Amino acid sequence: GLMKDKNDFQLNISWFIHIHEDDIPLCERKTVTDFCYLLDKSKQLFNGLRDLPQYGHKQWQSYFGRTFDVYTKLWKFQQQHRQVLDNRYGLKRWQIGEVASKIGQLYYHYYLRTSETSYLNEAFSFYSAIRQRSYYHQVNKEDRPELVVKKLRYYARFIVVCLLLNKMDLVKVLVKELSEEIEDYTQRFNTEDQLEWNLVLQEVAAFVEADPLMILNDDNAVVVISNRLQEGGVPPLEQGMVVGQLTLADALIVGNCNNQVKFSELTIDMFRMLQALEREPVNLATQSSKPGTLEPNEKPAKRENPHKYLLYKPTFSQLYTFLSASFKELPANSVLLVYLSATGVFPAGRSECEGPYDFGGVLTNTNRDVVNGEMVQKRNQAQKEMHCLHPGDLFPFTRKPLFIIVDSSNSTAYKNFSNLFGQPLVCLLSPTKTGNIFNICLTFFFSFR
């Protein structure tokens, strides 16, 4: 397979060899050919990532490994042969930036799949180096809007990583730079995506301003407080408790609130919850901003965070598929956490029964039954809402230890959650209305079974 790919690709660069056949020494010609092959192979593997299953732990690991391996070779190769590639291939700095950006994306997506925050640091390292070394600086001088879009997308991805690492000062700088880049882009090119990029700016600005609480130190400087678990910050066990009886191993974080602040496919609720399920990255302050040697197989110091699925506005079938995958792969003596931040769905009429499908639940996504964010009422009030996660929908998963958090205007639909199989079960339900923060703390409903 690899030889066929290489032979096919050599045909694609035959124009290069033919035109410059007399000018290029054989060794330099081979350098260019090998670089083109690695570049093409890396793109093929990267594009194949989107076809990998989003759930399950084992199906994708070998493919990620092969992709990391090719990008490792490509990055080292362009470093070792930069002069030949500059002179013979015409390698541009933005092309180096694209390779670095793809590596940053690889690390970010590996973080999403593994929940290991060390990979988030690696993504930051590459994204930061692109900016510091001005890899995309010359893009603005080219009359090619698609190259500018690559730069804008890089900024958007870098901002997401900085948000997740709580680098809020840097986020504000990046947003300012992105705003200037978008303004320059829309003035130079008559594009149809101006509104789309302006919406990106509005979303990230709203995201940054979503938490008005500011903490100052003795010097009146703003202190960023992380939601992640700090080293040595684990509270001591109560007397009589045994370590290791149950471990939180997997989590589904669902965001499906109408009109909630979000950036990319991450709502503010999802953002806070995912950090609460992670340990603080090690050596964050000393992370190098230079892309070093890529060795994805030599993993950084492992931080045993629970595995997470982030589901933004999933349909019922998507949510159930991921729930089933988590349930299937949950290790022994482990707990599955389901966090539901979603708009409440209420029953169309009063029911004589009080079963697990008679109180509504939380919204699941559908394009057919939502008009301007409002649910269309069902014609037949005797029917249950289809696009809703009812309490009864979660009953099959109580065969294993389950921790449910419902943050919704209809959280009380889950208050009589039945424990049918005698496994450990916790339901934490939010108040149904937002009020004074102290009242909210007092009115949180705990249901232990």
Protein backbone atom coordinates (compact mmCIF):
# COMPACT_ATOMS: atom_id res chain seq x y z
CA GLY A 1 0.00 0.00 0.00
CA LEU A 2 2.76 2.46 0.93
CA MET A 3 4.75 1.74 -2.25
CA LYS A 4 1.65 2.30 -4.38
CA ASP A 5 0.97 5.59 -2.58
CA LYS A 6 4.54 6.67 -3.12
CA ASN A 7 4.51 5.72 -6.81
CA ASP A 8 1.22 7.55 -7.34
CA PHE A 9 2.55 10.61 -5.59
CA GLN A 10 5.75 10.64 -7.62
CA LEU A 11 3.56 11.04 -10.70
CA ASN A 12 1.97 14.07 -9.05
CA ILE A 13 5.33 15.83 -8.78
CA SER A 14 6.61 14.72 -12.19
CA TRP A 15 6.13 18.29 -13.42
CA PHE A 16 8.67 19.41 -10.84
CA ILE A 17 11.25 16.80 -11.80
CA HIS A 18 10.72 17.34 -15.52
CA ILE A 19 11.13 21.11 -15.45
CA HIS A 20 14.16 21.13 -13.17
CA GLU A 21 15.72 17.82 -14.16
CA ASP A 22 19.02 19.34 -15.29
CA ASP A 23 19.25 21.82 -12.43
CA ILE A 24 18.83 19.63 -9.37
CA PRO A 25 21.45 17.17 -8.12
CA LEU A 26 20.09 13.68 -7.57
CA CYS A 27 20.38 13.85 -3.77
CA GLU A 28 18.47 17.14 -3.62
CA ARG A 29 15.85 15.82 -6.00
CA LYS A 30 15.35 12.85 -3.67
CA THR A 31 15.02 15.23 -0.71
CA VAL A 32 12.21 17.11 -2.46
CA THR A 33 10.49 13.87 -3.50
CA ASP A 34 10.67 12.44 0.03
CA PHE A 35 9.33 15.68 1.51
CA CYS A 36 6.41 15.76 -0.93
CA TYR A 37 5.60 12.16 -0.12
CA LEU A 38 5.63 12.78 3.64
CA LEU A 39 3.54 15.92 3.19
CA ASP A 40 0.97 14.10 1.07
CA LYS A 41 0.86 11.09 3.40
CA SER A 42 0.39 13.32 6.45
CA LYS A 43 -2.56 15.06 4.79
CA GLN A 44 -4.17 11.72 3.91
CA LEU A 45 -3.87 10.47 7.48
CA PHE A 46 -5.05 13.75 8.99
CA ASN A 47 -8.11 13.85 6.74
CA GLY A 48 -8.87 10.27 7.75
CA LEU A 49 -9.22 11.27 11.41
CA ARG A 50 -12.71 12.58 10.77
CA ASP A 51 -13.81 9.10 9.68
CA LEU A 52 -12.77 7.48 12.97
CA PRO A 53 -15.55 6.52 15.41
CA GLN A 54 -16.03 9.18 18.07
CA TYR A 55 -16.76 6.63 20.78
CA GLY A 56 -14.87 3.61 22.02
CA HIS A 57 -11.33 3.69 23.36
CA LYS A 58 -9.43 1.24 21.19
CA GLN A 59 -10.60 1.66 17.61
CA TRP A 60 -8.78 4.94 17.00
CA GLN A 61 -5.53 4.63 18.98
CA SER A 62 -3.47 2.83 16.33
CA TYR A 63 -4.57 5.30 13.64
CA PHE A 64 -3.57 8.25 15.82
CA GLY A 65 -0.23 6.56 16.41
CA ARG A 66 0.45 6.24 12.67
CA THR A 67 -0.57 9.86 12.10
CA PHE A 68 1.71 11.12 14.87
CA ASP A 69 4.54 9.02 13.44
CA VAL A 70 4.26 10.54 9.95
CA TYR A 71 4.02 14.08 11.32
CA THR A 72 7.06 13.40 13.51
CA LYS A 73 9.05 12.40 10.42
CA LEU A 74 7.71 15.35 8.41
CA TRP A 75 8.57 17.90 11.10
CA LYS A 76 12.10 16.53 11.58
CA PHE A 77 12.61 16.27 7.82
CA GLN A 78 11.77 19.91 7.12
CA GLN A 79 14.07 20.96 9.98
CA GLN A 80 17.00 18.90 8.70
CA HIS A 81 16.60 19.87 5.02
CA ARG A 82 15.27 23.42 5.32
CA GLN A 83 17.84 25.00 2.98
CA VAL A 84 17.30 22.47 0.18
CA LEU A 85 13.52 22.76 0.54
CA ASP A 86 13.73 26.56 0.51
CA ASN A 87 15.88 26.62 -2.63
CA ARG A 88 14.50 23.69 -4.61
CA TYR A 89 10.92 23.30 -3.42
CA GLY A 90 10.19 26.93 -2.59
CA LEU A 91 9.01 26.09 0.92
CA LYS A 92 7.02 28.98 2.42
CA ARG A 93 6.90 29.87 6.09
CA TRP A 94 3.12 29.56 6.09
CA GLN A 95 3.55 25.94 4.92
CA ILE A 96 5.73 25.25 7.96
CA GLY A 97 3.05 26.95 10.02
CA GLU A 98 0.42 24.64 8.53
CA VAL A 99 2.40 21.57 9.57
CA ALA A 100 2.82 22.97 13.09
CA SER A 101 -0.89 23.84 13.20
CA LYS A 102 -1.85 20.30 12.19
CA ILE A 103 0.38 18.91 14.94
CA GLY A 104 -1.30 21.25 17.41
CA GLN A 105 -4.68 19.97 16.24
CA LEU A 106 -3.50 16.37 16.64
CA TYR A 107 -2.50 16.98 20.25
CA TYR A 108 -5.75 18.83 20.97
CA HIS A 109 -7.90 16.03 19.57
CA TYR A 110 -5.80 13.45 21.40
CA TYR A 111 -6.50 15.40 24.59
CA LEU A 112 -10.24 15.31 23.83
CA ARG A 113 -10.13 11.54 23.35
CA THR A 114 -7.88 10.73 26.33
CA SER A 115 -8.64 13.60 28.78
CA GLU A 116 -4.89 13.82 29.45
CA THR A 117 -4.17 17.52 30.03
CA SER A 118 -0.49 17.06 29.16
CA TYR A 119 -1.51 16.83 25.50
CA LEU A 120 -3.32 20.14 25.87
CA ASN A 121 0.01 21.66 26.89
CA GLU A 122 1.64 20.19 23.79
CA ALA A 123 -1.04 21.76 21.58
CA PHE A 124 -0.40 25.10 23.27
CA SER A 125 3.34 24.71 22.66
CA PHE A 126 2.92 24.38 18.90
CA TYR A 127 0.23 27.04 18.57
CA SER A 128 2.32 29.47 20.60
CA ALA A 129 5.40 28.84 18.45
CA ILE A 130 3.44 29.61 15.27
CA ARG A 131 2.60 33.04 16.64
CA GLN A 132 6.04 33.74 18.09
CA ARG A 133 7.81 32.76 14.87
CA SER A 134 5.29 34.60 12.67
CA TYR A 135 4.81 31.60 10.40
CA TYR A 136 1.61 33.11 8.97
CA HIS A 137 2.90 36.68 8.72
CA GLN A 138 3.46 36.66 4.94
CA VAL A 139 0.00 35.24 4.24
CA ASN A 140 -1.54 38.72 4.25
CA LYS A 141 0.69 39.73 1.34
CA GLU A 142 -0.63 36.95 -0.88
CA ASP A 143 -3.74 37.44 -2.97
CA ARG A 144 -5.20 34.13 -1.80
CA PRO A 145 -8.17 34.34 0.58
CA GLU A 146 -8.01 30.61 1.37
CA LEU A 147 -4.58 31.14 2.99
CA VAL A 148 -5.94 33.93 5.17
CA VAL A 149 -8.77 31.62 6.27
CA LYS A 150 -6.14 29.09 7.40
CA LYS A 151 -4.65 31.83 9.56
CA LEU A 152 -8.05 32.78 11.01
CA ARG A 153 -8.85 29.16 11.83
CA TYR A 154 -5.49 28.81 13.53
CA TYR A 155 -6.35 31.79 15.75
CA ALA A 156 -9.75 30.30 16.64
CA ARG A 157 -8.17 26.95 17.60
CA PHE A 158 -5.43 28.65 19.61
CA ILE A 159 -8.06 30.62 21.53
CA VAL A 160 -9.93 27.42 22.45
CA VAL A 161 -6.74 25.85 23.84
CA CYS A 162 -5.91 29.00 25.80
CA LEU A 163 -9.42 29.08 27.26
CA LEU A 164 -9.07 25.48 28.41
CA LEU A 165 -5.72 26.35 30.04
CA ASN A 166 -7.25 29.46 31.67
CA LYS A 167 -4.77 31.78 29.94
CA MET A 168 -7.30 34.60 29.93
CA ASP A 169 -4.82 37.44 29.43
CA LEU A 170 -3.47 35.75 26.32
CA VAL A 171 -7.02 35.05 25.12
CA LYS A 172 -7.79 38.77 25.17
CA VAL A 173 -4.64 39.53 23.15
CA LEU A 174 -5.48 36.82 20.63
CA VAL A 175 -9.06 38.05 20.28
CA LYS A 176 -7.76 41.55 19.52
CA GLU A 177 -5.35 40.16 16.90
CA LEU A 178 -8.08 37.97 15.40
CA SER A 179 -10.40 40.97 15.18
CA GLU A 180 -7.77 42.92 13.26
CA GLU A 181 -7.10 39.96 10.96
CA ILE A 182 -10.82 39.55 10.23
CA GLU A 183 -11.19 43.25 9.48
CA ASP A 184 -8.25 43.13 7.07
CA TYR A 185 -9.58 39.94 5.47
CA THR A 186 -13.08 41.31 4.86
CA GLN A 187 -11.75 44.58 3.46
CA ARG A 188 -9.37 42.90 1.00
CA PHE A 189 -11.65 40.12 -0.23
CA ASN A 190 -15.31 40.14 -1.14
CA THR A 191 -16.19 37.01 0.82
CA GLU A 192 -19.42 35.41 1.95
CA ASP A 193 -18.12 34.37 5.36
CA GLN A 194 -17.79 37.83 6.94
CA LEU A 195 -20.84 37.33 9.18
CA GLU A 196 -19.55 33.91 10.20
CA TRP A 197 -16.21 35.30 11.39
CA ASN A 198 -17.87 38.22 13.15
CA LEU A 199 -20.03 35.67 14.98
CA VAL A 200 -16.85 33.87 16.10
CA LEU A 201 -15.63 37.13 17.63
CA GLN A 202 -18.95 37.74 19.37
CA GLU A 203 -19.02 34.21 20.78
CA VAL A 204 -15.53 34.32 22.26
CA ALA A 205 -16.09 37.82 23.69
CA ALA A 206 -19.29 36.63 25.39
CA PHE A 207 -17.48 33.52 26.63
CA VAL A 208 -14.72 35.55 28.28
CA GLU A 209 -17.26 37.87 29.92
CA ALA A 210 -19.56 35.06 31.06
CA ASP A 211 -18.00 34.84 34.52
CA PRO A 212 -18.03 38.32 36.09
CA LEU A 213 -16.40 37.17 39.32
CA MET A 214 -12.88 38.62 39.74
CA ILE A 215 -10.41 37.64 42.46
CA LEU A 216 -7.62 40.07 43.34
CA ASN A 217 -4.39 39.37 45.21
CA ASP A 218 -2.63 41.72 47.63
CA ASP A 219 -1.27 43.75 44.70
CA ASN A 220 -4.77 44.19 43.22
CA ALA A 221 -3.83 41.96 40.29
CA VAL A 222 -6.45 39.62 38.90
CA VAL A 223 -5.91 36.01 39.92
CA VAL A 224 -7.22 33.29 37.59
CA ILE A 225 -8.67 30.47 39.65
CA SER A 226 -8.63 27.08 37.98
CA ASN A 227 -11.53 24.67 38.32
CA ARG A 228 -9.12 21.75 38.00
CA LEU A 229 -7.92 19.65 40.90
CA GLN A 230 -4.63 21.01 42.22
CA GLU A 231 -1.69 18.85 43.23
CA GLY A 232 -2.15 18.03 46.90
CA GLY A 233 -5.64 19.52 46.83
CA VAL A 234 -7.54 16.28 47.32
CA PRO A 235 -9.61 16.50 50.51
CA PRO A 236 -8.88 13.83 53.13
CA LEU A 237 -11.21 10.86 53.36
CA GLU A 238 -13.71 10.80 56.17
CA GLN A 239 -13.10 8.36 58.98
CA GLY A 240 -14.08 4.83 58.05
CA MET A 241 -13.96 5.38 54.27
CA VAL A 242 -11.86 2.98 52.20
CA VAL A 243 -9.71 4.17 49.30
CA GLY A 244 -10.45 2.72 45.89
CA GLN A 245 -13.92 1.27 46.45
CA LEU A 246 -15.28 3.15 43.42
CA THR A 247 -13.47 5.27 40.84
CA LEU A 248 -14.95 7.84 38.49
CA ALA A 249 -13.81 6.41 35.14
CA ASP A 250 -16.04 7.89 32.44
CA ALA A 251 -18.20 10.97 31.98
CA LEU A 252 -20.67 12.33 29.47
CA ILE A 253 -20.88 16.13 29.47
CA VAL A 254 -23.96 17.28 27.57
CA GLY A 255 -24.75 20.89 26.66
CA ASN A 256 -28.12 21.61 25.06
CA CYS A 257 -29.41 24.86 26.52
CA ASN A 258 -31.12 27.33 24.23
CA ASN A 259 -29.27 30.64 23.88
CA GLN A 260 -26.42 29.72 26.24
CA VAL A 261 -23.00 31.34 25.89
CA LYS A 262 -20.73 29.09 23.86
CA PHE A 263 -17.58 29.07 21.76
CA SER A 264 -17.00 26.48 19.08
CA GLU A 265 -18.99 23.49 20.37
CA LEU A 266 -18.33 24.19 24.03
CA THR A 267 -20.95 25.87 26.22
CA ILE A 268 -19.90 27.69 29.37
CA ASP A 269 -21.45 24.91 31.50
CA MET A 270 -19.57 22.21 29.59
CA PHE A 271 -16.37 24.25 29.88
CA ARG A 272 -16.60 24.48 33.67
CA MET A 273 -17.62 20.87 34.20
CA LEU A 274 -14.90 19.34 32.02
CA GLN A 275 -12.26 21.22 34.01
CA ALA A 276 -13.79 20.05 37.29
CA LEU A 277 -13.10 16.48 36.13
CA GLU A 278 -9.41 17.08 35.41
CA ARG A 279 -6.23 17.45 37.39
CA GLU A 280 -4.15 20.55 36.86
CA PRO A 281 -1.58 19.97 34.06
CA VAL A 282 1.91 19.31 35.43
CA ASN A 283 4.70 21.84 34.89
CA LEU A 284 2.34 24.23 33.13
CA ALA A 285 4.38 27.29 34.06
CA THR A 286 7.57 25.83 32.62
CA GLN A 287 6.12 24.55 29.36
CA SER A 288 8.40 25.34 26.46
CA SER A 289 6.83 27.36 23.68
CA LYS A 290 9.17 25.80 21.11
CA PRO A 291 8.06 22.76 19.18
CA GLY A 292 10.50 20.17 20.32
CA THR A 293 11.04 16.65 19.20
CA LEU A 294 7.73 14.99 18.50
CA GLU A 295 7.53 11.68 20.29
CA PRO A 296 3.83 10.97 20.81
CA ASN A 297 4.53 7.40 21.83
CA GLU A 298 6.65 8.61 24.75
CA LYS A 299 3.71 9.95 26.71
CA PRO A 300 4.13 12.75 29.25
CA ALA A 301 3.67 12.07 32.94
CA LYS A 302 0.24 10.48 33.05
CA ARG A 303 -2.60 12.16 34.90
CA GLU A 304 -5.39 9.71 35.56
CA ASN A 305 -8.35 11.89 34.63
CA PRO A 306 -11.74 10.33 33.94
CA HIS A 307 -12.37 9.80 30.25
CA LYS A 308 -14.91 12.30 28.88
CA TYR A 309 -17.27 12.67 25.96
CA LEU A 310 -18.26 16.26 25.17
CA LEU A 311 -21.65 16.33 23.44
CA TYR A 312 -22.92 19.66 22.17
CA LYS A 313 -26.63 19.53 21.29
CA PRO A 314 -26.73 15.79 20.61
CA THR A 315 -29.77 14.07 19.19
CA PHE A 316 -31.38 11.35 21.28
CA SER A 317 -29.77 8.62 19.16
CA GLN A 318 -26.33 10.23 19.46
CA LEU A 319 -26.66 10.61 23.23
CA TYR A 320 -27.84 7.02 23.63
CA THR A 321 -25.02 5.73 21.43
CA PHE A 322 -22.36 7.44 23.54
CA LEU A 323 -24.07 6.36 26.76
CA SER A 324 -24.07 2.77 25.57
CA ALA A 325 -20.39 2.96 24.58
CA SER A 326 -19.43 4.36 27.99
CA PHE A 327 -21.55 1.76 29.77
CA LYS A 328 -20.01 -1.07 27.75
CA GLU A 329 -16.40 -0.04 28.40
CA LEU A 330 -16.80 1.00 32.04
CA PRO A 331 -14.18 -0.89 34.09
CA ALA A 332 -15.06 -2.88 37.20
CA ASN A 333 -15.53 -0.88 40.41
CA SER A 334 -16.01 2.30 38.38
CA VAL A 335 -18.66 5.00 38.10
CA LEU A 336 -20.18 6.63 35.03
CA LEU A 337 -21.03 10.33 35.40
CA VAL A 338 -23.75 11.90 33.24
CA TYR A 339 -23.91 15.71 33.33
CA LEU A 340 -26.97 17.17 31.61
CA SER A 341 -27.04 20.93 31.08
CA ALA A 342 -30.12 21.27 28.92
CA THR A 343 -33.39 23.09 28.40
CA GLY A 344 -36.28 21.51 30.27
CA VAL A 345 -39.02 19.67 28.38
CA PHE A 346 -42.36 19.58 30.20
CA PRO A 347 -45.27 17.21 29.60
CA ALA A 348 -47.93 18.51 27.22
CA GLY A 349 -50.74 17.67 29.63
CA ARG A 350 -51.35 16.33 33.10
CA SER A 351 -51.06 12.57 33.33
CA GLU A 352 -52.95 10.31 35.71
CA CYS A 353 -49.81 8.21 36.01
CA GLU A 354 -46.59 9.18 37.73
CA GLY A 355 -44.13 7.05 35.83
CA PRO A 356 -40.61 7.79 34.56
CA TYR A 357 -42.00 9.15 31.27
CA ASP A 358 -44.76 11.38 32.71
CA PHE A 359 -42.76 14.36 33.98
CA GLY A 360 -40.81 15.27 30.85
CA GLY A 361 -37.05 15.63 31.08
CA VAL A 362 -34.35 17.53 29.22
CA LEU A 363 -34.14 18.48 25.57
CA THR A 364 -32.28 16.47 22.95
CA ASN A 365 -31.57 18.08 19.62
CA THR A 366 -33.57 17.87 16.42
CA ASN A 367 -33.74 20.16 13.43
CA ARG A 368 -37.35 19.35 12.68
CA ASP A 369 -39.15 20.25 15.90
CA VAL A 370 -37.33 23.40 16.94
CA VAL A 371 -38.39 26.77 15.56
CA ASN A 372 -36.41 29.80 16.74
CA GLY A 373 -35.39 27.91 19.86
CA GLU A 374 -38.98 27.12 20.90
CA MET A 375 -40.31 23.59 21.03
CA VAL A 376 -43.27 22.87 18.78
CA GLN A 377 -46.18 21.46 20.78
CA LYS A 378 -47.32 17.96 19.93
CA ARG A 379 -50.78 17.58 18.44
CA ASN A 380 -51.56 14.47 20.47
CA GLN A 381 -51.08 15.30 24.14
CA ALA A 382 -51.27 11.63 25.10
CA GLN A 383 -47.96 11.02 23.34
CA LYS A 384 -44.66 11.56 25.09
CA GLU A 385 -42.11 14.01 23.77
CA MET A 386 -39.77 12.13 21.42
CA HIS A 387 -36.82 14.52 21.49
CA CYS A 388 -36.35 14.42 25.22
CA LEU A 389 -34.21 12.42 27.60
CA HIS A 390 -36.74 11.12 30.12
CA PRO A 391 -35.65 9.73 33.49
CA GLY A 392 -36.78 6.30 32.30
CA ASP A 393 -34.32 6.47 29.41
CA LEU A 394 -31.47 6.25 31.94
CA PHE A 395 -32.86 3.28 33.88
CA PRO A 396 -30.99 0.60 31.83
CA PHE A 397 -27.67 2.22 32.75
CA THR A 398 -28.29 1.89 36.50
CA ARG A 399 -27.04 -1.69 36.17
CA LYS A 400 -23.66 -0.13 36.94
CA PRO A 401 -22.74 2.65 39.40
CA LEU A 402 -24.14 5.93 38.08
CA PHE A 403 -23.74 9.59 39.07
CA ILE A 404 -26.28 11.92 37.42
CA ILE A 405 -26.16 15.73 37.50
CA VAL A 406 -29.14 17.54 35.97
CA ASP A 407 -28.79 21.30 35.47
CA SER A 408 -32.13 22.26 33.94
CA SER A 409 -35.38 24.15 34.43
CA ASN A 410 -37.05 20.72 34.68
CA SER A 411 -34.50 18.99 36.88
CA THR A 412 -37.29 17.92 39.26
CA ALA A 413 -38.44 15.40 36.64
CA TYR A 414 -35.56 13.24 37.92
CA LYS A 415 -36.27 13.61 41.64
CA ASN A 416 -37.94 10.20 42.03
CA PHE A 417 -35.26 8.39 40.05
CA SER A 418 -35.62 4.67 40.73
CA ASN A 419 -32.73 2.43 41.65
CA LEU A 420 -33.88 -0.83 40.07
CA PHE A 421 -30.69 -2.86 40.31
CA GLY A 422 -29.25 -1.97 43.71
CA GLN A 423 -26.08 -0.40 42.31
CA PRO A 424 -24.66 2.84 43.78
CA LEU A 425 -26.69 5.76 42.41
CA VAL A 426 -26.48 9.51 43.03
CA CYS A 427 -28.72 12.20 41.51
CA LEU A 428 -27.71 15.83 41.95
CA LEU A 429 -30.43 18.20 40.75
CA SER A 430 -30.18 21.94 40.19
CA PRO A 431 -32.81 24.44 41.34
CA THR A 432 -35.38 25.07 38.63
CA LYS A 433 -35.02 28.84 38.84
CA THR A 434 -31.97 31.04 39.12
CA GLY A 435 -31.85 33.14 42.24
CA ASN A 436 -29.50 34.45 44.89
CA ILE A 437 -26.32 32.36 44.95
CA PHE A 438 -26.73 31.56 48.66
CA ASN A 439 -30.31 30.40 48.11
CA ILE A 440 -29.13 28.26 45.21
CA CYS A 441 -26.60 26.55 47.46
CA LEU A 442 -29.31 25.88 50.04
CA THR A 443 -31.88 24.61 47.57
CA PHE A 444 -29.75 22.10 45.65
CA PHE A 445 -31.53 18.80 45.84
CA PHE A 446 -29.60 15.68 46.67
CA SER A 447 -31.11 12.28 46.09
CA PHE A 448 -29.11 9.26 47.26
CA ARG A 449 -30.26 5.73 46.55
